């Protein structure tokens, strides 16, 4: 009996070795933090680089596994100033994204496209768009990119949370807006359009 108990303990401890973390589209998550909790007590932490957990994690049936966006410090995990993109205590996450014991989970991180247009619907190329997460103003996500010929800026991976976007055209701030990426499954990606009426009008619409 004692041998069996020890064997079970070892198997549980290495259950998450080789653990994979992906985004919604099943692409490797670029960066993330995996935390295991026993109730409210933090048991273990490891980081995700290009979809792979750096170390194995202990696991028991009553544990909770959460994945945070980015590489979070222990004090950030303790204070809750992180963006959770997977939580095994949430039935929807397990049903739609996978269970920790499967060796792989997907997360609420998406491809996002922001398109900037003028009041007549024409794409604005060559403007600059700065996108930051609203929680920290850029700690977890900060992107500064030039709009393409179709007026778009793409975020390869972005967690489900609130964002601010600032658009600069001709060296002036032409528009500001706030938008949200919700947990859920769009057809391919989250898409937002910003209509620039040069400071007077800003419109943000979601078209998944």
N, C-alpha and C. Protein backbone atom coordinates (compact mmCIF):
# COMPACT_ATOMS: atom_id res chain seq x y z
N UNK A 1 0.83 -1.20 0.00
CA UNK A 1 0.00 0.00 0.00
C UNK A 1 0.87 1.26 0.00
N UNK A 2 1.94 1.22 0.84
CA UNK A 2 2.79 2.39 0.92
C UNK A 2 3.49 2.64 -0.42
N UNK A 3 3.94 1.57 -1.07
CA UNK A 3 4.60 1.70 -2.37
C UNK A 3 3.64 2.30 -3.38
N UNK A 4 2.38 1.82 -3.38
CA UNK A 4 1.38 2.34 -4.31
C UNK A 4 1.12 3.82 -4.05
N UNK A 5 1.07 4.19 -2.78
CA UNK A 5 0.82 5.59 -2.44
C UNK A 5 1.95 6.48 -2.92
N UNK A 6 3.19 6.02 -2.73
CA UNK A 6 4.35 6.79 -3.19
C UNK A 6 4.34 6.91 -4.71
N UNK A 7 4.01 5.80 -5.39
CA UNK A 7 3.96 5.83 -6.85
C UNK A 7 2.91 6.81 -7.34
N UNK A 8 1.75 6.82 -6.68
CA UNK A 8 0.69 7.75 -7.06
C UNK A 8 1.13 9.19 -6.85
N UNK A 9 1.87 9.41 -5.74
CA UNK A 9 2.36 10.75 -5.45
C UNK A 9 3.33 11.23 -6.53
N UNK A 10 4.22 10.33 -6.94
CA UNK A 10 5.19 10.70 -7.97
C UNK A 10 4.49 11.00 -9.28
N UNK A 11 3.51 10.14 -9.64
CA UNK A 11 2.78 10.35 -10.89
C UNK A 11 2.03 11.67 -10.87
N UNK A 12 1.43 12.00 -9.72
CA UNK A 12 0.70 13.26 -9.62
C UNK A 12 1.64 14.44 -9.73
N UNK A 13 2.84 14.30 -9.17
CA UNK A 13 3.78 15.41 -9.18
C UNK A 13 4.29 15.72 -10.57
N UNK A 14 4.35 14.70 -11.42
CA UNK A 14 4.88 14.94 -12.76
C UNK A 14 3.77 14.96 -13.81
N UNK A 15 2.52 15.03 -13.35
CA UNK A 15 1.40 14.97 -14.29
C UNK A 15 1.44 16.12 -15.29
N UNK A 16 1.98 17.26 -14.87
CA UNK A 16 2.00 18.41 -15.76
C UNK A 16 3.37 18.62 -16.39
N UNK A 17 4.26 17.64 -16.29
CA UNK A 17 5.54 17.75 -16.99
C UNK A 17 5.27 17.72 -18.49
N UNK A 18 5.96 18.57 -19.24
CA UNK A 18 5.71 18.66 -20.67
C UNK A 18 4.39 19.34 -20.99
N UNK A 19 3.87 20.09 -20.06
CA UNK A 19 2.58 20.76 -20.20
C UNK A 19 2.64 21.82 -21.30
N UNK A 20 1.64 21.83 -22.18
CA UNK A 20 1.59 22.79 -23.27
C UNK A 20 0.48 23.81 -23.03
N UNK A 21 0.76 25.07 -23.37
CA UNK A 21 -0.23 26.13 -23.24
C UNK A 21 -0.33 26.83 -24.59
N UNK A 22 -1.55 26.93 -25.11
CA UNK A 22 -1.79 27.46 -26.45
C UNK A 22 -2.75 28.66 -26.38
N UNK A 23 -2.83 29.40 -27.47
CA UNK A 23 -3.84 30.45 -27.53
C UNK A 23 -5.14 29.87 -28.06
N UNK A 24 -6.14 30.73 -28.29
CA UNK A 24 -7.44 30.23 -28.73
C UNK A 24 -7.34 29.46 -30.05
N UNK A 25 -6.47 29.94 -30.95
CA UNK A 25 -6.31 29.32 -32.26
C UNK A 25 -5.35 28.14 -32.25
N UNK A 26 -5.02 27.66 -31.06
CA UNK A 26 -4.14 26.50 -30.87
C UNK A 26 -2.71 26.76 -31.35
N UNK A 27 -2.28 28.02 -31.26
CA UNK A 27 -0.88 28.35 -31.53
C UNK A 27 -0.16 28.44 -30.19
N UNK A 28 1.13 28.14 -30.12
CA UNK A 28 1.84 28.22 -28.84
C UNK A 28 1.72 29.60 -28.22
N UNK A 29 1.39 29.64 -26.94
CA UNK A 29 1.34 30.92 -26.24
C UNK A 29 2.75 31.45 -26.09
N UNK A 30 2.98 32.67 -26.51
CA UNK A 30 4.34 33.21 -26.52
C UNK A 30 4.93 33.27 -25.12
N UNK A 31 4.19 33.89 -24.19
CA UNK A 31 4.64 33.99 -22.81
C UNK A 31 3.45 33.81 -21.88
N UNK A 32 3.68 33.18 -20.76
CA UNK A 32 2.61 33.03 -19.78
C UNK A 32 3.16 32.57 -18.45
N UNK A 33 2.30 32.61 -17.45
CA UNK A 33 2.66 32.14 -16.11
C UNK A 33 1.60 31.14 -15.66
N UNK A 34 2.04 29.95 -15.30
CA UNK A 34 1.13 28.91 -14.82
C UNK A 34 1.26 28.83 -13.30
N UNK A 35 0.13 28.94 -12.62
CA UNK A 35 0.12 28.88 -11.16
C UNK A 35 -0.83 27.79 -10.70
N UNK A 36 -0.41 27.01 -9.71
CA UNK A 36 -1.24 25.95 -9.13
C UNK A 36 -1.61 26.36 -7.71
N UNK A 37 -2.89 26.24 -7.39
CA UNK A 37 -3.40 26.64 -6.08
C UNK A 37 -4.06 25.46 -5.38
N UNK A 38 -3.90 25.43 -4.07
CA UNK A 38 -4.63 24.51 -3.21
C UNK A 38 -5.57 25.39 -2.39
N UNK A 39 -6.81 25.51 -2.85
CA UNK A 39 -7.69 26.50 -2.27
C UNK A 39 -7.16 27.89 -2.62
N UNK A 40 -6.91 28.70 -1.59
CA UNK A 40 -6.35 30.02 -1.84
C UNK A 40 -4.84 30.08 -1.69
N UNK A 41 -4.21 28.94 -1.45
CA UNK A 41 -2.76 28.90 -1.23
C UNK A 41 -2.02 28.56 -2.51
N UNK A 42 -1.06 29.40 -2.86
CA UNK A 42 -0.24 29.17 -4.04
C UNK A 42 0.73 28.02 -3.76
N UNK A 43 0.67 26.99 -4.59
CA UNK A 43 1.48 25.79 -4.39
C UNK A 43 2.74 25.82 -5.26
N UNK A 44 2.60 26.21 -6.52
CA UNK A 44 3.72 26.17 -7.44
C UNK A 44 3.49 27.14 -8.59
N UNK A 45 4.60 27.57 -9.19
CA UNK A 45 4.56 28.49 -10.33
C UNK A 45 5.60 28.06 -11.34
N UNK A 46 5.26 28.16 -12.60
CA UNK A 46 6.25 28.00 -13.66
C UNK A 46 5.90 28.94 -14.80
N UNK A 47 6.83 29.15 -15.69
CA UNK A 47 6.59 30.07 -16.80
C UNK A 47 6.45 29.31 -18.11
N UNK A 48 5.75 29.93 -19.03
CA UNK A 48 5.52 29.36 -20.36
C UNK A 48 6.30 30.19 -21.37
N UNK A 49 7.12 29.53 -22.15
CA UNK A 49 7.86 30.17 -23.23
C UNK A 49 7.55 29.41 -24.51
N UNK A 50 6.98 30.12 -25.48
CA UNK A 50 6.63 29.49 -26.76
C UNK A 50 5.81 28.22 -26.60
N UNK A 51 4.85 28.29 -25.70
CA UNK A 51 3.88 27.21 -25.56
C UNK A 51 4.26 26.10 -24.61
N UNK A 52 5.49 26.08 -24.11
CA UNK A 52 5.94 24.98 -23.24
C UNK A 52 6.18 25.48 -21.82
N UNK A 53 5.67 24.73 -20.84
CA UNK A 53 5.95 25.05 -19.44
C UNK A 53 7.41 24.71 -19.14
N UNK A 54 8.09 25.62 -18.45
CA UNK A 54 9.52 25.42 -18.17
C UNK A 54 9.75 24.23 -17.25
N UNK A 55 8.86 24.00 -16.29
CA UNK A 55 9.02 22.91 -15.34
C UNK A 55 7.69 22.21 -15.12
N UNK A 56 7.77 20.96 -14.66
CA UNK A 56 6.57 20.25 -14.28
C UNK A 56 5.97 20.85 -13.02
N UNK A 57 4.70 20.57 -12.80
CA UNK A 57 3.99 21.13 -11.65
C UNK A 57 3.31 20.02 -10.87
N UNK A 58 3.19 20.17 -9.56
CA UNK A 58 2.45 19.17 -8.77
C UNK A 58 0.97 19.25 -9.11
N UNK A 59 0.29 18.13 -9.00
CA UNK A 59 -1.13 18.13 -9.30
C UNK A 59 -1.88 17.14 -8.42
N UNK A 60 -3.01 17.58 -7.88
CA UNK A 60 -3.96 16.75 -7.15
C UNK A 60 -5.35 17.07 -7.70
N UNK A 61 -6.28 16.15 -7.59
CA UNK A 61 -7.61 16.41 -8.16
C UNK A 61 -8.29 17.66 -7.64
N UNK A 62 -7.96 18.09 -6.43
CA UNK A 62 -8.61 19.26 -5.86
C UNK A 62 -7.85 20.56 -6.13
N UNK A 63 -6.72 20.49 -6.79
CA UNK A 63 -5.95 21.69 -7.10
C UNK A 63 -6.64 22.50 -8.21
N UNK A 64 -6.27 23.76 -8.28
CA UNK A 64 -6.72 24.65 -9.35
C UNK A 64 -5.51 25.14 -10.13
N UNK A 65 -5.60 25.05 -11.44
CA UNK A 65 -4.52 25.53 -12.30
C UNK A 65 -5.00 26.76 -13.05
N UNK A 66 -4.22 27.81 -12.96
CA UNK A 66 -4.55 29.06 -13.66
C UNK A 66 -3.37 29.48 -14.54
N UNK A 67 -3.69 30.12 -15.65
CA UNK A 67 -2.67 30.66 -16.54
C UNK A 67 -2.88 32.15 -16.65
N UNK A 68 -1.81 32.90 -16.39
CA UNK A 68 -1.84 34.36 -16.52
C UNK A 68 -1.08 34.76 -17.78
N UNK A 69 -1.51 35.83 -18.38
CA UNK A 69 -0.83 36.37 -19.54
C UNK A 69 0.50 36.98 -19.11
N UNK A 70 1.56 36.71 -19.87
CA UNK A 70 2.86 37.33 -19.58
C UNK A 70 3.60 36.63 -18.46
N UNK A 71 4.77 37.16 -18.16
CA UNK A 71 5.61 36.61 -17.10
C UNK A 71 5.38 37.41 -15.83
N UNK A 72 4.59 36.85 -14.94
CA UNK A 72 4.16 37.57 -13.73
C UNK A 72 5.08 37.26 -12.55
N UNK A 73 5.34 38.28 -11.75
CA UNK A 73 6.10 38.11 -10.52
C UNK A 73 5.17 37.58 -9.42
N UNK A 74 5.78 37.05 -8.36
CA UNK A 74 4.98 36.48 -7.28
C UNK A 74 4.08 37.53 -6.62
N UNK A 75 4.59 38.75 -6.46
CA UNK A 75 3.76 39.78 -5.84
C UNK A 75 2.59 40.17 -6.73
N UNK A 76 2.77 40.07 -8.05
CA UNK A 76 1.66 40.36 -8.96
C UNK A 76 0.60 39.27 -8.89
N UNK A 77 1.04 38.02 -8.76
CA UNK A 77 0.08 36.93 -8.57
C UNK A 77 -0.68 37.09 -7.26
N UNK A 78 0.05 37.47 -6.21
CA UNK A 78 -0.57 37.62 -4.89
C UNK A 78 -1.58 38.77 -4.86
N UNK A 79 -1.26 39.85 -5.58
CA UNK A 79 -2.14 41.02 -5.56
C UNK A 79 -3.28 40.91 -6.57
N UNK A 80 -3.18 39.94 -7.47
CA UNK A 80 -4.22 39.79 -8.48
C UNK A 80 -4.09 40.73 -9.66
N UNK A 81 -2.97 41.45 -9.76
CA UNK A 81 -2.79 42.38 -10.88
C UNK A 81 -2.22 41.63 -12.09
N UNK A 82 -2.95 40.62 -12.48
CA UNK A 82 -2.59 39.83 -13.66
C UNK A 82 -3.84 39.65 -14.50
N UNK A 83 -3.65 39.19 -15.72
CA UNK A 83 -4.78 38.90 -16.61
C UNK A 83 -4.87 37.38 -16.74
N UNK A 84 -5.86 36.80 -16.06
CA UNK A 84 -6.02 35.35 -16.14
C UNK A 84 -6.66 34.98 -17.47
N UNK A 85 -6.07 34.02 -18.16
CA UNK A 85 -6.59 33.60 -19.46
C UNK A 85 -6.99 32.12 -19.46
N UNK A 86 -6.85 31.49 -18.31
CA UNK A 86 -7.36 30.12 -18.12
C UNK A 86 -7.49 29.89 -16.63
N UNK A 87 -8.57 29.19 -16.23
CA UNK A 87 -8.79 28.88 -14.82
C UNK A 87 -9.56 27.56 -14.75
N UNK A 88 -8.92 26.53 -14.21
CA UNK A 88 -9.56 25.21 -14.19
C UNK A 88 -10.72 25.13 -13.21
N UNK A 89 -10.90 26.16 -12.37
CA UNK A 89 -12.06 26.18 -11.48
C UNK A 89 -13.30 26.70 -12.19
N UNK A 90 -13.13 27.20 -13.41
CA UNK A 90 -14.25 27.68 -14.21
C UNK A 90 -14.65 26.59 -15.19
N UNK A 91 -15.86 26.10 -15.05
CA UNK A 91 -16.31 24.96 -15.86
C UNK A 91 -16.22 25.24 -17.35
N UNK A 92 -16.52 26.47 -17.75
CA UNK A 92 -16.45 26.81 -19.17
C UNK A 92 -15.03 26.68 -19.72
N UNK A 93 -14.06 27.11 -18.92
CA UNK A 93 -12.66 27.02 -19.36
C UNK A 93 -12.27 25.56 -19.60
N UNK A 94 -12.63 24.70 -18.68
CA UNK A 94 -12.27 23.29 -18.82
C UNK A 94 -12.99 22.68 -20.02
N UNK A 95 -14.28 23.01 -20.19
CA UNK A 95 -15.07 22.42 -21.27
C UNK A 95 -14.58 22.88 -22.64
N UNK A 96 -14.21 24.16 -22.76
CA UNK A 96 -13.88 24.70 -24.08
C UNK A 96 -12.38 24.74 -24.36
N UNK A 97 -11.57 24.79 -23.31
CA UNK A 97 -10.13 24.97 -23.51
C UNK A 97 -9.30 23.75 -23.11
N UNK A 98 -9.91 22.81 -22.38
CA UNK A 98 -9.18 21.61 -21.99
C UNK A 98 -8.95 21.53 -20.49
N UNK A 99 -8.67 20.34 -20.03
CA UNK A 99 -8.41 20.09 -18.60
C UNK A 99 -6.91 20.01 -18.36
N UNK A 100 -6.45 20.39 -17.16
CA UNK A 100 -5.02 20.32 -16.85
C UNK A 100 -4.43 18.92 -17.03
N UNK A 101 -5.22 17.90 -16.78
CA UNK A 101 -4.72 16.53 -16.87
C UNK A 101 -4.56 16.05 -18.32
N UNK A 102 -5.01 16.85 -19.28
CA UNK A 102 -4.90 16.45 -20.69
C UNK A 102 -3.50 16.71 -21.25
N UNK A 103 -2.69 17.47 -20.51
CA UNK A 103 -1.35 17.78 -20.98
C UNK A 103 -1.27 19.02 -21.84
N UNK A 104 -2.44 19.59 -22.19
CA UNK A 104 -2.48 20.81 -23.00
C UNK A 104 -3.76 21.57 -22.73
N UNK A 105 -3.65 22.88 -22.59
CA UNK A 105 -4.84 23.72 -22.52
C UNK A 105 -4.68 24.88 -23.49
N UNK A 106 -5.80 25.30 -24.02
CA UNK A 106 -5.82 26.55 -24.77
C UNK A 106 -6.21 27.67 -23.81
N UNK A 107 -6.11 28.90 -24.27
CA UNK A 107 -6.38 30.04 -23.40
C UNK A 107 -7.20 31.09 -24.14
N UNK A 108 -7.69 32.05 -23.37
CA UNK A 108 -8.43 33.16 -23.95
C UNK A 108 -7.46 34.23 -24.41
N UNK A 109 -6.65 33.89 -25.40
CA UNK A 109 -5.72 34.83 -26.04
C UNK A 109 -5.97 34.73 -27.54
N UNK A 110 -6.14 35.86 -28.18
CA UNK A 110 -6.64 35.87 -29.55
C UNK A 110 -5.76 36.70 -30.49
N UNK A 111 -5.90 36.41 -31.77
CA UNK A 111 -5.42 37.30 -32.81
C UNK A 111 -6.40 38.46 -32.89
N UNK A 112 -5.88 39.68 -32.89
CA UNK A 112 -6.73 40.87 -32.91
C UNK A 112 -6.30 41.80 -34.04
N UNK A 113 -7.27 42.31 -34.77
CA UNK A 113 -6.99 43.27 -35.82
C UNK A 113 -7.76 44.55 -35.54
N UNK A 114 -7.05 45.67 -35.56
CA UNK A 114 -7.67 46.99 -35.38
C UNK A 114 -7.53 47.74 -36.70
N UNK A 115 -8.63 48.23 -37.23
CA UNK A 115 -8.61 48.96 -38.49
C UNK A 115 -9.02 50.40 -38.27
N UNK A 116 -8.24 51.32 -38.78
CA UNK A 116 -8.49 52.75 -38.63
C UNK A 116 -8.99 53.30 -39.97
N UNK A 117 -10.15 53.96 -39.93
CA UNK A 117 -10.73 54.55 -41.15
C UNK A 117 -11.12 56.00 -40.89
N UNK A 118 -11.24 56.76 -41.98
CA UNK A 118 -11.72 58.13 -41.83
C UNK A 118 -13.24 58.14 -41.85
N UNK A 119 -13.83 59.32 -41.78
CA UNK A 119 -15.29 59.41 -41.65
C UNK A 119 -16.02 58.87 -42.88
N UNK A 120 -15.33 58.78 -43.99
CA UNK A 120 -15.93 58.28 -45.23
C UNK A 120 -15.67 56.78 -45.44
N UNK A 121 -15.07 56.15 -44.43
CA UNK A 121 -14.83 54.72 -44.50
C UNK A 121 -13.56 54.31 -45.21
N UNK A 122 -12.72 55.28 -45.55
CA UNK A 122 -11.48 54.96 -46.24
C UNK A 122 -10.40 54.59 -45.22
N UNK A 123 -9.61 53.54 -45.50
CA UNK A 123 -8.55 53.14 -44.56
C UNK A 123 -7.48 54.21 -44.46
N UNK A 124 -6.97 54.41 -43.26
CA UNK A 124 -5.92 55.40 -43.02
C UNK A 124 -4.60 54.66 -42.85
N UNK A 125 -3.78 54.69 -43.87
CA UNK A 125 -2.46 54.06 -43.83
C UNK A 125 -1.43 55.04 -43.29
N UNK A 126 -0.39 54.50 -42.66
CA UNK A 126 0.71 55.33 -42.18
C UNK A 126 0.45 56.07 -40.88
N UNK A 127 -0.68 55.80 -40.24
CA UNK A 127 -0.91 56.35 -38.90
C UNK A 127 -0.25 55.42 -37.88
N UNK A 128 -0.11 55.90 -36.67
CA UNK A 128 0.47 55.09 -35.61
C UNK A 128 -0.61 54.74 -34.59
N UNK A 129 -0.65 53.50 -34.21
CA UNK A 129 -1.61 53.05 -33.20
C UNK A 129 -0.85 52.51 -32.01
N UNK A 130 -1.15 53.03 -30.85
CA UNK A 130 -0.57 52.52 -29.61
C UNK A 130 -1.69 51.82 -28.84
N UNK A 131 -1.47 50.55 -28.51
CA UNK A 131 -2.47 49.75 -27.80
C UNK A 131 -1.88 49.29 -26.48
N UNK A 132 -2.60 49.55 -25.38
CA UNK A 132 -2.13 49.14 -24.05
C UNK A 132 -3.28 48.50 -23.29
N UNK A 133 -2.94 47.58 -22.39
CA UNK A 133 -3.99 47.00 -21.55
C UNK A 133 -4.44 48.03 -20.54
N UNK A 134 -5.76 48.06 -20.29
CA UNK A 134 -6.33 49.06 -19.40
C UNK A 134 -6.00 48.81 -17.93
N UNK A 135 -5.74 47.55 -17.58
CA UNK A 135 -5.46 47.22 -16.18
C UNK A 135 -4.22 47.92 -15.66
N UNK A 136 -3.16 47.93 -16.46
CA UNK A 136 -1.88 48.48 -15.99
C UNK A 136 -1.34 49.60 -16.87
N UNK A 137 -2.02 49.90 -17.98
CA UNK A 137 -1.52 50.94 -18.86
C UNK A 137 -0.31 50.53 -19.67
N UNK A 138 -0.11 49.22 -19.82
CA UNK A 138 0.97 48.77 -20.68
C UNK A 138 1.91 47.74 -20.08
N UNK A 139 1.73 47.39 -18.81
CA UNK A 139 2.61 46.37 -18.21
C UNK A 139 2.45 45.03 -18.92
N UNK A 140 1.20 44.67 -19.24
CA UNK A 140 0.96 43.36 -19.82
C UNK A 140 0.91 43.37 -21.33
N UNK A 141 0.48 44.45 -21.91
CA UNK A 141 0.52 44.53 -23.37
C UNK A 141 0.70 45.99 -23.77
N UNK A 142 1.69 46.23 -24.57
CA UNK A 142 1.96 47.56 -25.11
C UNK A 142 2.50 47.39 -26.53
N UNK A 143 1.72 47.82 -27.50
CA UNK A 143 2.09 47.69 -28.91
C UNK A 143 2.01 49.05 -29.57
N UNK A 144 3.03 49.41 -30.31
CA UNK A 144 3.06 50.67 -31.06
C UNK A 144 3.43 50.31 -32.48
N UNK A 145 2.48 50.45 -33.40
CA UNK A 145 2.70 49.99 -34.77
C UNK A 145 2.08 50.95 -35.77
N UNK A 146 2.58 50.89 -37.00
CA UNK A 146 2.08 51.71 -38.09
C UNK A 146 0.96 50.98 -38.81
N UNK A 147 -0.10 51.70 -39.12
CA UNK A 147 -1.20 51.07 -39.85
C UNK A 147 -0.77 50.74 -41.28
N UNK A 148 -1.21 49.58 -41.75
CA UNK A 148 -0.85 49.10 -43.09
C UNK A 148 -1.69 49.81 -44.15
N UNK A 149 -1.53 49.40 -45.40
CA UNK A 149 -2.25 50.05 -46.51
C UNK A 149 -3.76 49.94 -46.36
N UNK A 150 -4.22 48.90 -45.67
CA UNK A 150 -5.66 48.75 -45.44
C UNK A 150 -6.10 49.37 -44.12
N UNK A 151 -5.19 50.14 -43.49
CA UNK A 151 -5.51 50.82 -42.24
C UNK A 151 -5.45 49.96 -41.01
N UNK A 152 -4.91 48.77 -41.13
CA UNK A 152 -4.97 47.82 -40.02
C UNK A 152 -3.67 47.70 -39.24
N UNK A 153 -3.82 47.30 -38.00
CA UNK A 153 -2.72 46.90 -37.12
C UNK A 153 -3.13 45.57 -36.51
N UNK A 154 -2.25 44.59 -36.54
CA UNK A 154 -2.58 43.27 -36.02
C UNK A 154 -1.78 42.97 -34.76
N UNK A 155 -2.45 42.39 -33.79
CA UNK A 155 -1.82 41.89 -32.57
C UNK A 155 -1.78 40.38 -32.67
N UNK A 156 -0.59 39.81 -32.68
CA UNK A 156 -0.43 38.37 -32.87
C UNK A 156 -1.18 37.58 -31.80
N UNK A 157 -1.05 38.01 -30.55
CA UNK A 157 -1.78 37.41 -29.44
C UNK A 157 -2.12 38.50 -28.45
N UNK A 158 -3.36 38.49 -28.00
CA UNK A 158 -3.79 39.47 -27.00
C UNK A 158 -4.79 38.80 -26.07
N UNK A 159 -4.64 38.98 -24.76
CA UNK A 159 -5.54 38.33 -23.81
C UNK A 159 -6.90 39.02 -23.75
N UNK A 160 -7.89 38.27 -23.31
CA UNK A 160 -9.23 38.82 -23.13
C UNK A 160 -9.21 39.79 -21.95
N UNK A 161 -9.33 41.07 -22.25
CA UNK A 161 -9.34 42.12 -21.23
C UNK A 161 -9.74 43.42 -21.90
N UNK A 162 -9.66 44.53 -21.17
CA UNK A 162 -9.96 45.85 -21.72
C UNK A 162 -8.68 46.52 -22.22
N UNK A 163 -8.83 47.35 -23.24
CA UNK A 163 -7.68 48.03 -23.85
C UNK A 163 -7.98 49.49 -24.14
N UNK A 164 -6.91 50.28 -24.15
CA UNK A 164 -6.97 51.64 -24.69
C UNK A 164 -6.16 51.65 -25.97
N UNK A 165 -6.65 52.39 -26.96
CA UNK A 165 -5.90 52.56 -28.20
C UNK A 165 -5.83 54.05 -28.49
N UNK A 166 -4.64 54.48 -28.87
CA UNK A 166 -4.38 55.88 -29.21
C UNK A 166 -3.89 55.91 -30.66
N UNK A 167 -4.53 56.72 -31.48
CA UNK A 167 -4.18 56.79 -32.90
C UNK A 167 -3.58 58.16 -33.19
N UNK A 168 -2.40 58.14 -33.81
CA UNK A 168 -1.71 59.36 -34.19
C UNK A 168 -1.60 59.41 -35.71
N UNK A 169 -2.10 60.47 -36.31
CA UNK A 169 -2.01 60.67 -37.76
C UNK A 169 -1.42 62.06 -38.00
N UNK A 170 -0.40 62.11 -38.84
CA UNK A 170 0.23 63.40 -39.12
C UNK A 170 0.80 64.07 -37.89
N UNK A 171 1.34 63.24 -36.98
CA UNK A 171 2.00 63.70 -35.76
C UNK A 171 1.06 64.35 -34.76
N UNK A 172 -0.23 64.12 -34.90
CA UNK A 172 -1.18 64.59 -33.90
C UNK A 172 -2.00 63.39 -33.42
N UNK A 173 -2.51 63.47 -32.18
CA UNK A 173 -3.39 62.42 -31.70
C UNK A 173 -4.74 62.60 -32.34
N UNK A 174 -5.09 61.69 -33.23
CA UNK A 174 -6.32 61.82 -33.99
C UNK A 174 -7.51 61.18 -33.30
N UNK A 175 -7.26 60.17 -32.46
CA UNK A 175 -8.36 59.47 -31.82
C UNK A 175 -7.87 58.68 -30.63
N UNK A 176 -8.76 58.51 -29.67
CA UNK A 176 -8.53 57.59 -28.55
C UNK A 176 -9.80 56.78 -28.36
N UNK A 177 -9.65 55.57 -27.91
CA UNK A 177 -10.82 54.73 -27.69
C UNK A 177 -10.49 53.65 -26.69
N UNK A 178 -11.54 53.05 -26.13
CA UNK A 178 -11.40 51.90 -25.25
C UNK A 178 -12.23 50.76 -25.84
N UNK A 179 -11.66 49.57 -25.87
CA UNK A 179 -12.41 48.42 -26.35
C UNK A 179 -12.11 47.21 -25.49
N UNK A 180 -12.94 46.20 -25.63
CA UNK A 180 -12.81 45.00 -24.80
C UNK A 180 -12.76 43.76 -25.68
N UNK A 181 -11.91 42.82 -25.29
CA UNK A 181 -11.91 41.49 -25.88
C UNK A 181 -12.55 40.57 -24.85
N UNK A 182 -13.63 39.93 -25.24
CA UNK A 182 -14.38 39.09 -24.32
C UNK A 182 -13.95 37.63 -24.44
N UNK A 183 -14.11 36.90 -23.36
CA UNK A 183 -13.91 35.45 -23.42
C UNK A 183 -14.99 34.86 -24.32
N UNK A 184 -14.59 33.99 -25.20
CA UNK A 184 -15.53 33.40 -26.13
C UNK A 184 -14.81 33.03 -27.40
N UNK A 185 -15.53 32.50 -28.36
CA UNK A 185 -14.88 32.03 -29.57
C UNK A 185 -15.41 32.75 -30.80
N UNK A 186 -14.66 33.73 -31.30
CA UNK A 186 -15.01 34.36 -32.59
C UNK A 186 -14.71 33.39 -33.73
N UNK A 187 -15.17 33.75 -34.93
CA UNK A 187 -14.96 32.87 -36.08
C UNK A 187 -13.47 32.62 -36.33
N UNK A 188 -12.70 33.68 -36.38
CA UNK A 188 -11.25 33.52 -36.59
C UNK A 188 -10.45 34.42 -35.65
N UNK A 189 -10.96 35.62 -35.39
CA UNK A 189 -10.21 36.59 -34.59
C UNK A 189 -11.16 37.67 -34.12
N UNK A 190 -10.65 38.51 -33.25
CA UNK A 190 -11.41 39.70 -32.85
C UNK A 190 -10.98 40.85 -33.75
N UNK A 191 -11.98 41.58 -34.27
CA UNK A 191 -11.71 42.68 -35.18
C UNK A 191 -12.42 43.94 -34.69
N UNK A 192 -11.68 45.03 -34.69
CA UNK A 192 -12.25 46.31 -34.25
C UNK A 192 -11.99 47.37 -35.30
N UNK A 193 -12.96 48.26 -35.45
CA UNK A 193 -12.78 49.38 -36.36
C UNK A 193 -12.89 50.69 -35.59
N UNK A 194 -11.97 51.57 -35.88
CA UNK A 194 -11.98 52.90 -35.27
C UNK A 194 -12.18 53.91 -36.39
N UNK A 195 -13.22 54.73 -36.27
CA UNK A 195 -13.47 55.77 -37.25
C UNK A 195 -12.88 57.07 -36.74
N UNK A 196 -11.97 57.64 -37.50
CA UNK A 196 -11.30 58.87 -37.10
C UNK A 196 -11.96 60.06 -37.79
N UNK A 197 -12.62 60.89 -37.00
CA UNK A 197 -13.18 62.13 -37.52
C UNK A 197 -12.34 63.28 -36.99
N UNK A 198 -11.03 63.01 -36.96
CA UNK A 198 -10.04 63.94 -36.46
C UNK A 198 -10.46 64.66 -35.19
N UNK A 199 -10.39 63.87 -34.13
CA UNK A 199 -10.57 64.29 -32.74
C UNK A 199 -12.05 64.43 -32.37
N UNK A 200 -12.92 64.73 -33.31
CA UNK A 200 -14.31 64.99 -32.97
C UNK A 200 -15.10 63.71 -32.71
N UNK A 201 -14.84 62.64 -33.48
CA UNK A 201 -15.65 61.43 -33.35
C UNK A 201 -14.77 60.20 -33.31
N UNK A 202 -15.06 59.34 -32.36
CA UNK A 202 -14.35 58.06 -32.27
C UNK A 202 -15.40 56.97 -32.14
N UNK A 203 -15.30 55.97 -32.98
CA UNK A 203 -16.25 54.86 -32.95
C UNK A 203 -15.48 53.56 -32.89
N UNK A 204 -15.86 52.71 -31.96
CA UNK A 204 -15.23 51.39 -31.85
C UNK A 204 -16.34 50.36 -31.99
N UNK A 205 -16.18 49.44 -32.88
CA UNK A 205 -17.19 48.41 -33.06
C UNK A 205 -16.53 47.05 -33.13
N UNK A 206 -17.22 46.05 -32.62
CA UNK A 206 -16.68 44.68 -32.64
C UNK A 206 -17.37 43.90 -33.75
N UNK A 207 -16.57 43.23 -34.57
CA UNK A 207 -17.13 42.43 -35.65
C UNK A 207 -16.43 41.09 -35.71
N UNK A 208 -16.70 40.19 -34.74
CA UNK A 208 -16.01 38.90 -34.74
C UNK A 208 -16.43 38.05 -35.92
